[in-house]
C-alpha cells in the first residue's frame, strides 16, 4: 500500500511539473475594489489557487469535525466515570457475596435484612 501511495504521489508530481512547464505564459491578476495587480506565470496562479482551495476546504472540514471531537472527548470522560462507578459497585457486590457465604442456606434469601454469621 505504501508503494502504491508513493507511486500515485510521484505521478501527480510529474503532472504538476508538466503543467507548470506547459503554462509559462504570464497572466495578470487584478484585485477589483483596489488598484492592485499581480503578474505571474499562469501555472503559479492556477496552482496557487488550487492549493488555497485545498487549504480552505481542509480548514472547513476541521471546523466540521470539531463538534464531533468535542462530543467524543465528553463521552470518553463519561465512560471513565461510569467505569469508576462500576468498579465501586463490583466492590460492594463482593462484600454482599462475602456476607451471603457466611449465612445459612435458609437465610440467604433474607440476607439483606439479617446480618447473619455462620455458627
C-alpha atoms as a PDB file:
ATOM      1  CA  UNK A   1       0.000   0.000   0.000  1.00  0.00           C
ATOM      2  CA  UNK A   2       2.859   2.366   0.807  1.00  0.00           C
ATOM      3  CA  UNK A   3       4.452   1.722  -2.606  1.00  0.00           C
ATOM      4  CA  UNK A   4       1.121   2.476  -4.290  1.00  0.00           C
ATOM      5  CA  UNK A   5       0.845   5.749  -2.354  1.00  0.00           C
ATOM      6  CA  UNK A   6       4.360   6.798  -3.369  1.00  0.00           C
ATOM      7  CA  UNK A   7       3.652   5.853  -6.990  1.00  0.00           C
ATOM      8  CA  UNK A   8       0.453   7.946  -7.123  1.00  0.00           C
ATOM      9  CA  UNK A   9       2.240  10.877  -5.458  1.00  0.00           C
ATOM     10  CA  UNK A  10       5.086  10.676  -7.977  1.00  0.00           C
ATOM     11  CA  UNK A  11       2.652  10.602 -10.912  1.00  0.00           C
ATOM     12  CA  UNK A  12       0.815  13.646  -9.527  1.00  0.00           C
ATOM     13  CA  UNK A  13       4.114  15.468  -9.065  1.00  0.00           C
ATOM     14  CA  UNK A  14       5.051  14.739 -12.681  1.00  0.00           C
ATOM     15  CA  UNK A  15       1.658  16.062 -13.819  1.00  0.00           C
ATOM     16  CA  UNK A  16       2.139  19.295 -11.822  1.00  0.00           C
ATOM     17  CA  UNK A  17       5.638  19.795 -13.233  1.00  0.00           C
ATOM     18  CA  UNK A  18       4.387  19.153 -16.776  1.00  0.00           C
ATOM     19  CA  UNK A  19       1.555  21.647 -16.210  1.00  0.00           C
ATOM     20  CA  UNK A  20       3.982  24.262 -14.891  1.00  0.00           C
ATOM     21  CA  UNK A  21       6.334  23.811 -17.855  1.00  0.00           C
ATOM     22  CA  UNK A  22       3.470  23.952 -20.366  1.00  0.00           C
ATOM     23  CA  UNK A  23       1.923  27.127 -18.902  1.00  0.00           C
ATOM     24  CA  UNK A  24       4.789  29.584 -18.542  1.00  0.00           C
ATOM     25  CA  UNK A  25       2.878  32.473 -20.107  1.00  0.00           C
ATOM     26  CA  UNK A  26       2.426  35.500 -17.898  1.00  0.00           C
ATOM     27  CA  UNK A  27      -1.023  36.263 -16.504  1.00  0.00           C
ATOM     28  CA  UNK A  28      -2.216  39.361 -14.705  1.00  0.00           C
ATOM     29  CA  UNK A  29      -4.356  39.040 -11.602  1.00  0.00           C
ATOM     30  CA  UNK A  30      -6.336  42.162 -10.669  1.00  0.00           C
ATOM     31  CA  UNK A  31      -7.924  42.770  -7.297  1.00  0.00           C
ATOM     32  CA  UNK A  32     -11.095  44.657  -8.294  1.00  0.00           C
ATOM     33  CA  UNK A  33     -12.015  47.029  -5.468  1.00  0.00           C
ATOM     34  CA  UNK A  34      -8.381  48.027  -5.085  1.00  0.00           C
ATOM     35  CA  UNK A  35      -5.934  49.184  -7.659  1.00  0.00           C
ATOM     36  CA  UNK A  36      -3.684  46.168  -7.187  1.00  0.00           C
ATOM     37  CA  UNK A  37      -2.341  43.903  -9.899  1.00  0.00           C
ATOM     38  CA  UNK A  38      -0.030  40.927  -9.813  1.00  0.00           C
ATOM     39  CA  UNK A  39       1.705  39.495 -12.864  1.00  0.00           C
ATOM     40  CA  UNK A  40       2.937  35.929 -12.605  1.00  0.00           C
ATOM     41  CA  UNK A  41       3.189  32.774 -14.687  1.00  0.00           C
ATOM     42  CA  UNK A  42      -0.172  31.155 -15.343  1.00  0.00           C
ATOM     43  CA  UNK A  43       0.943  27.883 -13.742  1.00  0.00           C
ATOM     44  CA  UNK A  44       1.768  29.627 -10.441  1.00  0.00           C
ATOM     45  CA  UNK A  45      -1.577  31.362 -10.488  1.00  0.00           C
ATOM     46  CA  UNK A  46      -3.579  28.176 -11.117  1.00  0.00           C
ATOM     47  CA  UNK A  47      -1.566  26.050  -8.686  1.00  0.00           C
ATOM     48  CA  UNK A  48      -1.682  28.782  -6.033  1.00  0.00           C
ATOM     49  CA  UNK A  49      -5.472  28.995  -6.296  1.00  0.00           C
ATOM     50  CA  UNK A  50      -5.670  25.186  -6.193  1.00  0.00           C
ATOM     51  CA  UNK A  51      -3.576  24.974  -3.011  1.00  0.00           C
ATOM     52  CA  UNK A  52      -5.510  27.853  -1.454  1.00  0.00           C
ATOM     53  CA  UNK A  53      -8.751  25.984  -2.146  1.00  0.00           C
ATOM     54  CA  UNK A  54      -7.350  22.793  -0.640  1.00  0.00           C
ATOM     55  CA  UNK A  55      -6.262  24.695   2.470  1.00  0.00           C
ATOM     56  CA  UNK A  56      -9.619  26.457   2.890  1.00  0.00           C
ATOM     57  CA  UNK A  57     -11.502  23.185   2.326  1.00  0.00           C
ATOM     58  CA  UNK A  58      -9.356  21.400   4.904  1.00  0.00           C
ATOM     59  CA  UNK A  59      -9.990  24.208   7.377  1.00  0.00           C
ATOM     60  CA  UNK A  60     -13.761  23.871   6.980  1.00  0.00           C
ATOM     61  CA  UNK A  61     -13.553  20.075   7.311  1.00  0.00           C
ATOM     62  CA  UNK A  62     -11.607  20.590  10.537  1.00  0.00           C
ATOM     63  CA  UNK A  63     -14.263  23.003  11.823  1.00  0.00           C
ATOM     64  CA  UNK A  64     -16.980  20.498  10.913  1.00  0.00           C
ATOM     65  CA  UNK A  65     -15.246  17.679  12.758  1.00  0.00           C
ATOM     66  CA  UNK A  66     -14.513  19.830  15.803  1.00  0.00           C
ATOM     67  CA  UNK A  67     -18.024  19.307  17.185  1.00  0.00           C
ATOM     68  CA  UNK A  68     -17.616  15.544  16.843  1.00  0.00           C
ATOM     69  CA  UNK A  69     -14.209  15.638  18.543  1.00  0.00           C
ATOM     70  CA  UNK A  70     -15.613  17.607  21.478  1.00  0.00           C
ATOM     71  CA  UNK A  71     -18.509  15.148  21.805  1.00  0.00           C
ATOM     72  CA  UNK A  72     -16.089  12.181  21.671  1.00  0.00           C
ATOM     73  CA  UNK A  73     -13.982  13.750  24.428  1.00  0.00           C
ATOM     74  CA  UNK A  74     -17.085  14.279  26.585  1.00  0.00           C
ATOM     75  CA  UNK A  75     -18.164  10.677  26.010  1.00  0.00           C
ATOM     76  CA  UNK A  76     -14.682   9.391  26.942  1.00  0.00           C
ATOM     77  CA  UNK A  77     -14.883  11.271  30.251  1.00  0.00           C
ATOM     78  CA  UNK A  78     -18.382   9.876  30.858  1.00  0.00           C
ATOM     79  CA  UNK A  79     -17.200   6.335  30.104  1.00  0.00           C
ATOM     80  CA  UNK A  80     -14.337   6.735  32.561  1.00  0.00           C
ATOM     81  CA  UNK A  81     -16.668   7.961  35.312  1.00  0.00           C
ATOM     82  CA  UNK A  82     -19.038   5.043  34.610  1.00  0.00           C
ATOM     83  CA  UNK A  83     -16.118   2.601  34.819  1.00  0.00           C
ATOM     84  CA  UNK A  84     -15.224   4.018  38.232  1.00  0.00           C
ATOM     85  CA  UNK A  85     -18.840   3.676  39.396  1.00  0.00           C
ATOM     86  CA  UNK A  86     -18.950   0.115  38.061  1.00  0.00           C
ATOM     87  CA  UNK A  87     -15.772  -0.784  39.947  1.00  0.00           C
ATOM     88  CA  UNK A  88     -17.300   0.626  43.152  1.00  0.00           C
ATOM     89  CA  UNK A  89     -20.471  -1.413  42.585  1.00  0.00           C
ATOM     90  CA  UNK A  90     -18.410  -4.537  41.989  1.00  0.00           C
ATOM     91  CA  UNK A  91     -16.597  -3.984  45.282  1.00  0.00           C
ATOM     92  CA  UNK A  92     -19.970  -3.605  47.012  1.00  0.00           C
ATOM     93  CA  UNK A  93     -21.186  -6.758  45.275  1.00  0.00           C
ATOM     94  CA  UNK A  94     -18.152  -8.690  46.548  1.00  0.00           C
ATOM     95  CA  UNK A  95     -18.949  -7.545  50.073  1.00  0.00           C
ATOM     96  CA  UNK A  96     -22.548  -8.769  49.712  1.00  0.00           C
ATOM     97  CA  UNK A  97     -21.336 -12.126  48.411  1.00  0.00           C
ATOM     98  CA  UNK A  98     -18.977 -12.421  51.359  1.00  0.00           C
ATOM     99  CA  UNK A  99     -21.908 -11.848  53.725  1.00  0.00           C
ATOM    100  CA  UNK A 100     -24.011 -14.385  51.833  1.00  0.00           C
ATOM    101  CA  UNK A 101     -21.303 -17.003  52.206  1.00  0.00           C
ATOM    102  CA  UNK A 102     -21.440 -16.564  55.982  1.00  0.00           C
ATOM    103  CA  UNK A 103     -25.220 -17.020  56.135  1.00  0.00           C
ATOM    104  CA  UNK A 104     -27.082 -20.286  56.410  1.00  0.00           C
ATOM    105  CA  UNK A 105     -28.859 -21.532  53.253  1.00  0.00           C
ATOM    106  CA  UNK A 106     -32.333 -20.571  54.527  1.00  0.00           C
ATOM    107  CA  UNK A 107     -31.291 -17.069  55.453  1.00  0.00           C
ATOM    108  CA  UNK A 108     -29.562 -16.357  52.153  1.00  0.00           C
ATOM    109  CA  UNK A 109     -32.920 -15.313  50.779  1.00  0.00           C
ATOM    110  CA  UNK A 110     -33.182 -12.696  53.512  1.00  0.00           C
ATOM    111  CA  UNK A 111     -29.518 -11.754  53.689  1.00  0.00           C
ATOM    112  CA  UNK A 112     -30.217  -8.100  53.109  1.00  0.00           C
ATOM    113  CA  UNK A 113     -32.486  -7.994  56.174  1.00  0.00           C
ATOM    114  CA  UNK A 114     -30.291 -10.011  58.504  1.00  0.00           C
ATOM    115  CA  UNK A 115     -26.653  -9.706  59.359  1.00  0.00           C
ATOM    116  CA  UNK A 116     -26.128 -13.389  59.879  1.00  0.00           C
ATOM    117  CA  UNK A 117     -22.904 -15.170  60.656  1.00  0.00           C
ATOM    118  CA  UNK A 118     -22.023 -18.788  60.337  1.00  0.00           C
ATOM    119  CA  UNK A 119     -22.284 -20.557  63.719  1.00  0.00           C
END
